[in-house]
Structures are given as structure tokens and as C-alpha cells.
Amino acid sequence: MALSPYHAILGDAFDTLHPNVRRAHEAPLAADGTFDVVHGTHRVTPILVALMQLPAAGSGVPVALNLTIDPPRANAGPITLRWERRIGRTALSTHQHAHRGLLVEEHGPGRMVFTLRAANGCLIYEHASTRFLFLHVPPALSPRVRALVSPDPDGWHVDVRVDWHGHLVCAYGGRMRPLQTAA
């Protein structure tokens, strides 16, 4: 049986994640929730928010998530997950796969690479590098993204923070819960 990118990267540590956190990273999944979204005040913030397709600021913003497995590639590459998110009016579709022990998240011509670790039942994402049009973006020019997924009684809690040069670009977080699907 093929492993999800998360299981492939974390190995046995994947089993130490809280069951709700594991569920948040296994396809297929449909979930909803609400987030609070805050933007920074630096003059480049609106440009970075638009380029990265980050959600608009607001409180109690509705969130919808669909997580599926992409069809296998002809070269039988790694399992790829498609993350379809809608945060308020902002839609974002990304593809994630494991590569050399790292999580690669692709969106259009951009790629963010993350290290993953499990701690106290939570999943922690740490920004490792950014590529644009297959070129490495120097850390001095790249936004840094960090995320924490922690257990919640009915699902999980998400906290994401995007910084650039030590300035907040966008932070969002809130509770998510899986939707019940017909068997």
C-alpha cells in the first residue's frame, strides 16, 4: 500500500500524531471550519498577499477543504495529494509530495519546501526553501511559512504564519472538523 507524503516523511513518528491530526493529513477528506485571518502592516504586505494568494483579513471566515490523491503519474512518482482550500472568497489549490525527506508544496510556478516533525501529537511545518520557475529563491527574498496542526476535540486546529524579513505578512488559524460522508 502506498504511503501518504506525511507518513513517508515522518515514518514511525506519523503514528505518534493525535488521531485527529493524522486524519487531517489523509485522503480522501472533506472538512470545514472557521479561521481568523490577520494581515501585517508592512508596505509590501498587499503585494505578497496577492502573489501568494493568501486569504483576505477577517474574523470567523468560513473554510472548506477537500483533500484527494492525484492520479498516479506515468513515471510512477511519489504519491501526490491535492489540497483544495477555500478560505472566505479565496480559493487555493496546491499539490504536495515527499521528496528526499521533505514536503514539497507546488502552486503554479512556485514551490515551498518544508521540514516536518511530530511533537506532542501535533504536526509542525518549518519552511526549508522556496523555488520559483525551478530556480532557488534566496532566503533574503523569500517569505517564510510556518504551520502547526494540533488536535481539537471534534477535529484539529490550524495555525499558519507567513513572515517576510521579520514582518508579518499573514497569519490565519482556527478549528477544522471532518464532514461526515455517506458510506
N, C-alpha and C. Protein backbone atom coordinates (compact mmCIF):
# COMPACT_ATOMS: atom_id res chain seq x y z
N MET A 1 0.85 -1.18 0.00
CA MET A 1 0.00 0.00 0.00
C MET A 1 0.89 1.24 0.00
N ALA A 2 0.55 2.23 -0.80
CA ALA A 2 1.33 3.46 -0.88
C ALA A 2 1.11 4.30 0.37
N LEU A 3 2.17 4.99 0.77
CA LEU A 3 2.09 5.85 1.94
C LEU A 3 1.80 7.28 1.51
N SER A 4 1.09 8.00 2.37
CA SER A 4 0.90 9.42 2.12
C SER A 4 2.25 10.11 2.24
N PRO A 5 2.40 11.31 1.66
CA PRO A 5 3.67 12.03 1.82
C PRO A 5 4.03 12.23 3.29
N TYR A 6 3.04 12.46 4.13
CA TYR A 6 3.30 12.70 5.55
C TYR A 6 3.84 11.46 6.23
N HIS A 7 3.23 10.32 5.93
CA HIS A 7 3.69 9.06 6.51
C HIS A 7 5.09 8.72 5.96
N ALA A 8 5.30 8.96 4.68
CA ALA A 8 6.61 8.67 4.08
C ALA A 8 7.71 9.52 4.72
N ILE A 9 7.42 10.78 5.01
CA ILE A 9 8.43 11.67 5.59
C ILE A 9 8.64 11.38 7.07
N LEU A 10 7.55 11.24 7.82
CA LEU A 10 7.67 11.09 9.27
C LEU A 10 7.97 9.66 9.71
N GLY A 11 7.69 8.67 8.87
CA GLY A 11 7.92 7.28 9.26
C GLY A 11 7.10 6.92 10.48
N ASP A 12 7.72 6.26 11.47
CA ASP A 12 7.01 5.83 12.68
C ASP A 12 6.47 7.00 13.48
N ALA A 13 7.07 8.18 13.34
CA ALA A 13 6.59 9.36 14.07
C ALA A 13 5.18 9.75 13.64
N PHE A 14 4.77 9.35 12.41
CA PHE A 14 3.41 9.64 11.96
C PHE A 14 2.39 9.04 12.92
N ASP A 15 2.70 7.85 13.46
CA ASP A 15 1.78 7.18 14.38
C ASP A 15 1.71 7.85 15.74
N THR A 16 2.65 8.78 16.04
CA THR A 16 2.60 9.50 17.32
C THR A 16 1.71 10.73 17.24
N LEU A 17 1.28 11.09 16.02
CA LEU A 17 0.36 12.22 15.88
C LEU A 17 -0.98 11.85 16.49
N HIS A 18 -1.66 12.81 17.07
CA HIS A 18 -3.01 12.59 17.58
C HIS A 18 -3.87 12.08 16.41
N PRO A 19 -4.79 11.16 16.66
CA PRO A 19 -5.62 10.62 15.56
C PRO A 19 -6.32 11.71 14.73
N ASN A 20 -6.77 12.79 15.36
CA ASN A 20 -7.42 13.85 14.59
C ASN A 20 -6.43 14.58 13.68
N VAL A 21 -5.19 14.71 14.13
CA VAL A 21 -4.16 15.36 13.31
C VAL A 21 -3.78 14.44 12.15
N ARG A 22 -3.67 13.12 12.42
CA ARG A 22 -3.41 12.17 11.32
C ARG A 22 -4.53 12.26 10.29
N ARG A 23 -5.76 12.28 10.75
CA ARG A 23 -6.92 12.32 9.85
C ARG A 23 -6.88 13.55 8.95
N ALA A 24 -6.38 14.66 9.49
CA ALA A 24 -6.30 15.91 8.73
C ALA A 24 -5.32 15.82 7.57
N HIS A 25 -4.51 14.75 7.52
CA HIS A 25 -3.47 14.61 6.50
C HIS A 25 -3.61 13.31 5.71
N GLU A 26 -4.83 12.76 5.69
CA GLU A 26 -5.10 11.52 4.96
C GLU A 26 -6.24 11.75 3.98
N ALA A 27 -6.03 11.36 2.75
CA ALA A 27 -7.06 11.49 1.71
C ALA A 27 -7.82 10.18 1.58
N PRO A 28 -9.07 10.26 1.20
CA PRO A 28 -9.84 11.46 0.90
C PRO A 28 -10.36 12.11 2.18
N LEU A 29 -10.56 13.42 2.10
CA LEU A 29 -11.04 14.18 3.25
C LEU A 29 -11.81 15.39 2.76
N ALA A 30 -12.96 15.62 3.35
CA ALA A 30 -13.70 16.87 3.19
C ALA A 30 -13.88 17.42 4.60
N ALA A 31 -13.59 18.70 4.78
CA ALA A 31 -13.67 19.31 6.11
C ALA A 31 -14.10 20.75 5.99
N ASP A 32 -14.61 21.29 7.10
CA ASP A 32 -14.92 22.71 7.13
C ASP A 32 -14.57 23.27 8.50
N GLY A 33 -14.63 24.58 8.59
CA GLY A 33 -14.29 25.24 9.84
C GLY A 33 -14.35 26.74 9.67
N THR A 34 -13.78 27.45 10.64
CA THR A 34 -13.68 28.90 10.58
C THR A 34 -12.29 29.33 11.04
N PHE A 35 -11.78 30.36 10.37
CA PHE A 35 -10.46 30.92 10.69
C PHE A 35 -10.60 32.41 10.98
N ASP A 36 -9.65 32.88 11.77
CA ASP A 36 -9.41 34.31 11.89
C ASP A 36 -8.16 34.59 11.07
N VAL A 37 -8.21 35.63 10.23
CA VAL A 37 -7.11 35.97 9.33
C VAL A 37 -6.67 37.40 9.62
N VAL A 38 -5.35 37.58 9.83
CA VAL A 38 -4.77 38.89 10.12
C VAL A 38 -3.67 39.16 9.11
N HIS A 39 -3.60 40.40 8.62
CA HIS A 39 -2.52 40.81 7.72
C HIS A 39 -1.60 41.77 8.46
N GLY A 40 -0.33 41.76 8.06
CA GLY A 40 0.63 42.69 8.62
C GLY A 40 0.44 44.08 8.03
N THR A 41 1.27 45.01 8.50
CA THR A 41 1.12 46.41 8.10
C THR A 41 2.27 46.92 7.23
N HIS A 42 3.25 46.06 6.93
CA HIS A 42 4.38 46.49 6.10
C HIS A 42 3.88 46.87 4.72
N ARG A 43 4.54 47.81 4.06
CA ARG A 43 4.08 48.31 2.76
C ARG A 43 4.06 47.24 1.66
N VAL A 44 4.86 46.17 1.78
CA VAL A 44 4.84 45.13 0.75
C VAL A 44 3.81 44.03 1.04
N THR A 45 3.16 44.12 2.19
CA THR A 45 2.19 43.07 2.57
C THR A 45 1.12 42.86 1.51
N PRO A 46 0.45 43.91 1.00
CA PRO A 46 -0.59 43.65 -0.01
C PRO A 46 -0.05 42.95 -1.26
N ILE A 47 1.17 43.25 -1.66
CA ILE A 47 1.76 42.61 -2.83
C ILE A 47 1.99 41.13 -2.56
N LEU A 48 2.57 40.81 -1.40
CA LEU A 48 2.83 39.40 -1.06
C LEU A 48 1.54 38.62 -0.86
N VAL A 49 0.54 39.25 -0.24
CA VAL A 49 -0.75 38.58 -0.07
C VAL A 49 -1.33 38.21 -1.43
N ALA A 50 -1.26 39.14 -2.38
CA ALA A 50 -1.80 38.87 -3.72
C ALA A 50 -0.98 37.81 -4.45
N LEU A 51 0.35 37.93 -4.42
CA LEU A 51 1.20 36.96 -5.12
C LEU A 51 1.04 35.54 -4.58
N MET A 52 0.91 35.43 -3.26
CA MET A 52 0.81 34.12 -2.63
C MET A 52 -0.63 33.63 -2.56
N GLN A 53 -1.56 34.43 -3.02
CA GLN A 53 -2.99 34.11 -2.98
C GLN A 53 -3.44 33.76 -1.57
N LEU A 54 -3.05 34.61 -0.61
CA LEU A 54 -3.43 34.42 0.78
C LEU A 54 -4.83 34.98 1.00
N PRO A 55 -5.53 34.49 2.03
CA PRO A 55 -6.91 34.94 2.24
C PRO A 55 -7.00 36.38 2.74
N ALA A 56 -8.15 36.98 2.49
CA ALA A 56 -8.43 38.34 2.98
C ALA A 56 -8.56 38.31 4.49
N ALA A 57 -8.22 39.42 5.12
CA ALA A 57 -8.32 39.52 6.57
C ALA A 57 -9.79 39.46 7.00
N GLY A 58 -10.03 38.88 8.17
CA GLY A 58 -11.38 38.82 8.70
C GLY A 58 -11.46 37.88 9.89
N SER A 59 -12.55 37.98 10.62
CA SER A 59 -12.80 37.10 11.77
C SER A 59 -13.92 36.14 11.44
N GLY A 60 -13.80 34.91 11.92
CA GLY A 60 -14.83 33.92 11.67
C GLY A 60 -15.04 33.61 10.20
N VAL A 61 -13.95 33.60 9.43
CA VAL A 61 -14.01 33.36 7.99
C VAL A 61 -14.30 31.88 7.73
N PRO A 62 -15.32 31.57 6.93
CA PRO A 62 -15.62 30.15 6.65
C PRO A 62 -14.52 29.51 5.80
N VAL A 63 -14.23 28.24 6.12
CA VAL A 63 -13.18 27.48 5.45
C VAL A 63 -13.77 26.16 4.96
N ALA A 64 -13.41 25.78 3.74
CA ALA A 64 -13.76 24.46 3.20
C ALA A 64 -12.48 23.82 2.67
N LEU A 65 -12.32 22.54 2.91
CA LEU A 65 -11.13 21.80 2.50
C LEU A 65 -11.55 20.50 1.84
N ASN A 66 -10.92 20.19 0.71
CA ASN A 66 -11.04 18.88 0.08
C ASN A 66 -9.64 18.38 -0.20
N LEU A 67 -9.34 17.20 0.29
CA LEU A 67 -8.03 16.58 0.13
C LEU A 67 -8.22 15.28 -0.63
N THR A 68 -7.53 15.17 -1.78
CA THR A 68 -7.65 13.98 -2.61
C THR A 68 -6.26 13.52 -3.05
N ILE A 69 -6.20 12.31 -3.55
CA ILE A 69 -4.95 11.79 -4.11
C ILE A 69 -4.99 12.03 -5.61
N ASP A 70 -3.94 12.67 -6.14
CA ASP A 70 -3.85 12.88 -7.59
C ASP A 70 -3.67 11.54 -8.28
N PRO A 71 -4.15 11.42 -9.51
CA PRO A 71 -3.90 10.19 -10.26
C PRO A 71 -2.39 9.94 -10.38
N PRO A 72 -1.97 8.68 -10.37
CA PRO A 72 -0.53 8.39 -10.47
C PRO A 72 0.04 8.95 -11.77
N ARG A 73 1.27 9.42 -11.68
CA ARG A 73 1.96 9.93 -12.85
C ARG A 73 2.50 8.76 -13.67
N ALA A 74 2.76 9.03 -14.93
CA ALA A 74 3.25 7.98 -15.83
C ALA A 74 4.57 7.39 -15.35
N ASN A 75 5.41 8.20 -14.68
CA ASN A 75 6.70 7.70 -14.22
C ASN A 75 6.62 7.04 -12.85
N ALA A 76 5.38 6.82 -12.36
CA ALA A 76 5.17 6.17 -11.06
C ALA A 76 5.92 6.90 -9.96
N GLY A 77 5.85 8.24 -9.98
CA GLY A 77 6.50 9.06 -8.96
C GLY A 77 5.80 8.92 -7.62
N PRO A 78 6.14 9.80 -6.68
CA PRO A 78 5.58 9.70 -5.34
C PRO A 78 4.08 10.00 -5.32
N ILE A 79 3.42 9.53 -4.28
CA ILE A 79 2.02 9.86 -4.06
C ILE A 79 1.91 11.38 -3.93
N THR A 80 0.96 11.95 -4.65
CA THR A 80 0.75 13.40 -4.61
C THR A 80 -0.66 13.68 -4.10
N LEU A 81 -0.75 14.55 -3.10
CA LEU A 81 -2.03 14.96 -2.56
C LEU A 81 -2.41 16.31 -3.14
N ARG A 82 -3.69 16.45 -3.49
CA ARG A 82 -4.23 17.73 -3.96
C ARG A 82 -5.02 18.34 -2.81
N TRP A 83 -4.61 19.52 -2.40
CA TRP A 83 -5.29 20.28 -1.35
C TRP A 83 -6.09 21.40 -2.02
N GLU A 84 -7.41 21.30 -1.94
CA GLU A 84 -8.31 22.34 -2.45
C GLU A 84 -8.87 23.06 -1.24
N ARG A 85 -8.48 24.33 -1.07
CA ARG A 85 -8.94 25.11 0.08
C ARG A 85 -9.73 26.32 -0.39
N ARG A 86 -10.72 26.67 0.39
CA ARG A 86 -11.43 27.94 0.19
C ARG A 86 -11.52 28.58 1.57
N ILE A 87 -10.86 29.73 1.70
CA ILE A 87 -10.89 30.49 2.94
C ILE A 87 -11.59 31.80 2.60
N GLY A 88 -12.85 31.92 3.04
CA GLY A 88 -13.65 33.06 2.60
C GLY A 88 -13.85 32.97 1.09
N ARG A 89 -13.49 34.03 0.38
CA ARG A 89 -13.62 34.03 -1.08
C ARG A 89 -12.35 33.61 -1.78
N THR A 90 -11.31 33.30 -1.01
CA THR A 90 -10.02 32.94 -1.61
C THR A 90 -9.91 31.44 -1.79
N ALA A 91 -9.73 31.02 -3.04
CA ALA A 91 -9.53 29.59 -3.35
C ALA A 91 -8.04 29.37 -3.60
N LEU A 92 -7.54 28.26 -3.08
CA LEU A 92 -6.13 27.91 -3.29
C LEU A 92 -6.04 26.41 -3.49
N SER A 93 -5.43 26.02 -4.59
CA SER A 93 -5.22 24.61 -4.90
C SER A 93 -3.72 24.35 -4.96
N THR A 94 -3.25 23.38 -4.17
CA THR A 94 -1.83 23.03 -4.20
C THR A 94 -1.69 21.52 -4.30
N HIS A 95 -0.50 21.09 -4.69
CA HIS A 95 -0.15 19.67 -4.76
C HIS A 95 1.03 19.45 -3.84
N GLN A 96 0.98 18.37 -3.05
CA GLN A 96 2.05 18.07 -2.11
C GLN A 96 2.56 16.66 -2.34
N HIS A 97 3.91 16.52 -2.25
CA HIS A 97 4.51 15.20 -2.32
C HIS A 97 5.80 15.20 -1.50
N ALA A 98 6.25 14.01 -1.17
CA ALA A 98 7.50 13.85 -0.44
C ALA A 98 8.66 13.79 -1.43
N HIS A 99 9.77 14.45 -1.05
CA HIS A 99 10.99 14.40 -1.88
C HIS A 99 12.19 14.50 -0.95
N ARG A 100 12.96 13.41 -0.89
CA ARG A 100 14.18 13.37 -0.07
C ARG A 100 13.94 13.79 1.37
N GLY A 101 12.86 13.29 1.94
CA GLY A 101 12.56 13.54 3.35
C GLY A 101 11.94 14.89 3.64
N LEU A 102 11.57 15.63 2.61
CA LEU A 102 10.94 16.94 2.77
C LEU A 102 9.58 16.94 2.10
N LEU A 103 8.71 17.86 2.52
CA LEU A 103 7.41 18.03 1.90
C LEU A 103 7.51 19.16 0.89
N VAL A 104 7.14 18.87 -0.36
CA VAL A 104 7.15 19.87 -1.43
C VAL A 104 5.70 20.23 -1.72
N GLU A 105 5.39 21.53 -1.62
CA GLU A 105 4.05 22.01 -1.93
C GLU A 105 4.16 22.91 -3.16
N GLU A 106 3.45 22.52 -4.23
CA GLU A 106 3.51 23.23 -5.51
C GLU A 106 2.22 23.99 -5.77
N HIS A 107 2.40 25.21 -6.27
CA HIS A 107 1.27 26.02 -6.68
C HIS A 107 1.72 26.84 -7.88
N GLY A 108 1.20 26.52 -9.05
CA GLY A 108 1.63 27.22 -10.26
C GLY A 108 3.13 27.09 -10.44
N PRO A 109 3.82 28.19 -10.69
CA PRO A 109 5.28 28.12 -10.90
C PRO A 109 6.09 28.12 -9.60
N GLY A 110 5.40 28.17 -8.46
CA GLY A 110 6.10 28.24 -7.18
C GLY A 110 6.10 26.94 -6.41
N ARG A 111 7.16 26.75 -5.63
CA ARG A 111 7.27 25.57 -4.76
C ARG A 111 7.81 26.00 -3.40
N MET A 112 7.11 25.58 -2.36
CA MET A 112 7.60 25.76 -0.99
C MET A 112 7.99 24.39 -0.50
N VAL A 113 9.11 24.32 0.18
CA VAL A 113 9.61 23.07 0.72
C VAL A 113 9.63 23.19 2.25
N PHE A 114 9.14 22.15 2.92
CA PHE A 114 9.03 22.16 4.38
C PHE A 114 9.69 20.95 5.00
N THR A 115 10.24 21.14 6.18
CA THR A 115 10.58 20.02 7.04
C THR A 115 9.34 19.77 7.90
N LEU A 116 9.13 18.53 8.27
CA LEU A 116 8.00 18.16 9.12
C LEU A 116 8.52 17.48 10.37
N ARG A 117 7.83 17.73 11.48
CA ARG A 117 8.14 16.96 12.69
C ARG A 117 6.89 16.82 13.54
N ALA A 118 6.85 15.73 14.26
CA ALA A 118 5.76 15.45 15.18
C ALA A 118 6.24 15.77 16.59
N ALA A 119 5.38 16.43 17.37
CA ALA A 119 5.70 16.75 18.76
C ALA A 119 4.40 16.83 19.55
N ASN A 120 4.30 16.05 20.60
CA ASN A 120 3.14 16.08 21.50
C ASN A 120 1.82 15.90 20.75
N GLY A 121 1.81 15.02 19.76
CA GLY A 121 0.60 14.75 18.99
C GLY A 121 0.32 15.75 17.89
N CYS A 122 1.14 16.80 17.78
CA CYS A 122 0.95 17.86 16.78
C CYS A 122 1.89 17.65 15.60
N LEU A 123 1.55 18.27 14.48
CA LEU A 123 2.41 18.27 13.30
C LEU A 123 2.91 19.70 13.08
N ILE A 124 4.23 19.83 12.96
CA ILE A 124 4.87 21.13 12.79
C ILE A 124 5.52 21.19 11.42
N TYR A 125 5.21 22.24 10.68
CA TYR A 125 5.80 22.52 9.37
C TYR A 125 6.79 23.68 9.56
N GLU A 126 8.02 23.51 9.08
CA GLU A 126 9.01 24.58 9.11
C GLU A 126 9.48 24.82 7.67
N HIS A 127 9.49 26.07 7.27
CA HIS A 127 9.92 26.45 5.93
C HIS A 127 11.38 26.06 5.72
N ALA A 128 11.68 25.38 4.62
CA ALA A 128 13.06 24.99 4.31
C ALA A 128 13.60 25.77 3.12
N SER A 129 12.79 25.94 2.07
CA SER A 129 13.25 26.69 0.90
C SER A 129 12.07 27.03 0.01
N THR A 130 12.35 27.93 -0.95
CA THR A 130 11.35 28.34 -1.92
C THR A 130 11.97 28.28 -3.30
N ARG A 131 11.18 27.85 -4.27
CA ARG A 131 11.61 27.86 -5.67
C ARG A 131 10.52 28.55 -6.48
N PHE A 132 10.97 29.26 -7.50
CA PHE A 132 10.04 29.88 -8.43
C PHE A 132 10.58 29.62 -9.83
N LEU A 133 9.75 29.06 -10.69
CA LEU A 133 10.18 28.65 -12.04
C LEU A 133 11.43 27.78 -11.95
N PHE A 134 11.45 26.87 -11.00
CA PHE A 134 12.53 25.90 -10.78
C PHE A 134 13.84 26.53 -10.31
N LEU A 135 13.84 27.83 -10.02
CA LEU A 135 15.03 28.50 -9.52
C LEU A 135 14.92 28.69 -8.02
N HIS A 136 16.00 28.48 -7.32
CA HIS A 136 16.03 28.68 -5.87
C HIS A 136 15.88 30.16 -5.56
N VAL A 137 14.96 30.50 -4.65
CA VAL A 137 14.78 31.89 -4.21
C VAL A 137 15.64 32.07 -2.96
N PRO A 138 16.58 33.02 -2.97
CA PRO A 138 17.43 33.22 -1.79
C PRO A 138 16.59 33.52 -0.55
N PRO A 139 17.01 33.03 0.61
CA PRO A 139 16.24 33.26 1.84
C PRO A 139 15.94 34.74 2.10
N ALA A 140 16.84 35.63 1.70
CA ALA A 140 16.61 37.06 1.92
C ALA A 140 15.41 37.59 1.14
N LEU A 141 15.03 36.91 0.07
CA LEU A 141 13.91 37.35 -0.76
C LEU A 141 12.63 36.55 -0.51
N SER A 142 12.74 35.44 0.14
CA SER A 142 11.63 34.51 0.26
C SER A 142 10.81 34.74 1.53
N PRO A 143 9.47 34.74 1.40
CA PRO A 143 8.65 34.70 2.61
C PRO A 143 8.90 33.38 3.33
N ARG A 144 8.71 33.38 4.64
CA ARG A 144 8.87 32.17 5.45
C ARG A 144 7.50 31.76 5.96
N VAL A 145 7.19 30.49 5.79
CA VAL A 145 5.89 29.97 6.20
C VAL A 145 6.11 28.91 7.28
N ARG A 146 5.36 29.04 8.36
CA ARG A 146 5.38 28.03 9.43
C ARG A 146 3.93 27.66 9.74
N ALA A 147 3.75 26.42 10.14
CA ALA A 147 2.39 25.97 10.48
C ALA A 147 2.43 24.94 11.59
N LEU A 148 1.35 24.91 12.34
CA LEU A 148 1.16 23.94 13.42
C LEU A 148 -0.26 23.40 13.29
N VAL A 149 -0.38 22.08 13.28
CA VAL A 149 -1.69 21.43 13.29
C VAL A 149 -1.76 20.65 14.59
N SER A 150 -2.73 21.02 15.43
CA SER A 150 -2.87 20.41 16.75
C SER A 150 -4.27 19.81 16.90
N PRO A 151 -4.41 18.87 17.85
CA PRO A 151 -5.72 18.22 18.00
C PRO A 151 -6.75 19.15 18.62
N ASP A 152 -7.99 18.91 18.24
CA ASP A 152 -9.15 19.61 18.78
C ASP A 152 -10.18 18.50 19.05
N PRO A 153 -11.04 18.65 20.04
CA PRO A 153 -11.97 17.55 20.36
C PRO A 153 -12.78 17.03 19.17
N ASP A 154 -13.19 17.92 18.25
CA ASP A 154 -14.00 17.50 17.11
C ASP A 154 -13.22 17.40 15.81
N GLY A 155 -11.92 17.71 15.84
CA GLY A 155 -11.13 17.71 14.62
C GLY A 155 -9.71 18.15 14.91
N TRP A 156 -9.34 19.30 14.37
CA TRP A 156 -7.98 19.79 14.55
C TRP A 156 -7.98 21.31 14.48
N HIS A 157 -6.90 21.89 14.98
CA HIS A 157 -6.71 23.33 14.96
C HIS A 157 -5.51 23.63 14.07
N VAL A 158 -5.62 24.65 13.24
CA VAL A 158 -4.56 25.04 12.32
C VAL A 158 -4.08 26.44 12.68
N ASP A 159 -2.76 26.62 12.72
CA ASP A 159 -2.15 27.95 12.86
C ASP A 159 -1.08 28.08 11.79
N VAL A 160 -1.22 29.08 10.92
CA VAL A 160 -0.26 29.33 9.85
C VAL A 160 0.22 30.77 9.97
N ARG A 161 1.52 30.96 9.79
CA ARG A 161 2.09 32.30 9.84
C ARG A 161 3.05 32.47 8.66
N VAL A 162 2.90 33.59 7.94
CA VAL A 162 3.77 33.93 6.83
C VAL A 162 4.48 35.24 7.20
N ASP A 163 5.81 35.19 7.21
CA ASP A 163 6.62 36.37 7.52
C ASP A 163 7.53 36.69 6.35
N TRP A 164 7.93 37.94 6.26
CA TRP A 164 8.92 38.37 5.27
C TRP A 164 9.81 39.40 5.95
N HIS A 165 11.11 39.10 6.00
CA HIS A 165 12.09 40.00 6.63
C HIS A 165 11.68 40.35 8.06
N GLY A 166 11.14 39.40 8.79
CA GLY A 166 10.75 39.62 10.17
C GLY A 166 9.44 40.35 10.34
N HIS A 167 8.74 40.63 9.25
CA HIS A 167 7.44 41.32 9.32
C HIS A 167 6.32 40.33 9.00
N LEU A 168 5.24 40.45 9.75
CA LEU A 168 4.07 39.62 9.48
C LEU A 168 3.49 39.98 8.12
N VAL A 169 3.26 38.96 7.30
CA VAL A 169 2.51 39.14 6.05
C VAL A 169 1.07 38.73 6.30
N CYS A 170 0.89 37.51 6.81
CA CYS A 170 -0.45 36.98 7.06
C CYS A 170 -0.36 35.90 8.11
N ALA A 171 -1.33 35.88 9.01
CA ALA A 171 -1.47 34.78 9.96
C ALA A 171 -2.93 34.37 9.95
N TYR A 172 -3.14 33.07 9.91
CA TYR A 172 -4.52 32.60 9.98
C TYR A 172 -4.56 31.31 10.77
N GLY A 173 -5.70 31.11 11.38
CA GLY A 173 -5.86 29.89 12.17
C GLY A 173 -7.27 29.74 12.67
N GLY A 174 -7.57 28.50 13.04
CA GLY A 174 -8.88 28.20 13.57
C GLY A 174 -9.13 26.71 13.59
N ARG A 175 -10.35 26.37 13.87
CA ARG A 175 -10.75 24.98 14.03
C ARG A 175 -11.30 24.41 12.74
N MET A 176 -10.98 23.14 12.51
CA MET A 176 -11.49 22.39 11.37
C MET A 176 -12.09 21.09 11.88
N ARG A 177 -13.08 20.61 11.15
CA ARG A 177 -13.67 19.31 11.50
C ARG A 177 -14.01 18.57 10.22
N PRO A 178 -13.84 17.24 10.24
CA PRO A 178 -14.18 16.48 9.04
C PRO A 178 -15.69 16.45 8.83
N LEU A 179 -16.11 16.48 7.59
CA LEU A 179 -17.52 16.35 7.27
C LEU A 179 -17.87 14.87 7.21
N GLN A 180 -19.04 14.54 7.63
CA GLN A 180 -19.48 13.15 7.55
C GLN A 180 -19.84 12.85 6.10
N THR A 181 -19.37 11.72 5.63
CA THR A 181 -19.68 11.32 4.25
C THR A 181 -20.55 10.07 4.29
N ALA A 182 -21.38 9.96 3.28
CA ALA A 182 -22.24 8.78 3.18
C ALA A 182 -21.40 7.56 2.87
N ALA A 183 -21.69 6.47 3.52
CA ALA A 183 -20.92 5.23 3.29
C ALA A 183 -21.40 4.52 2.08
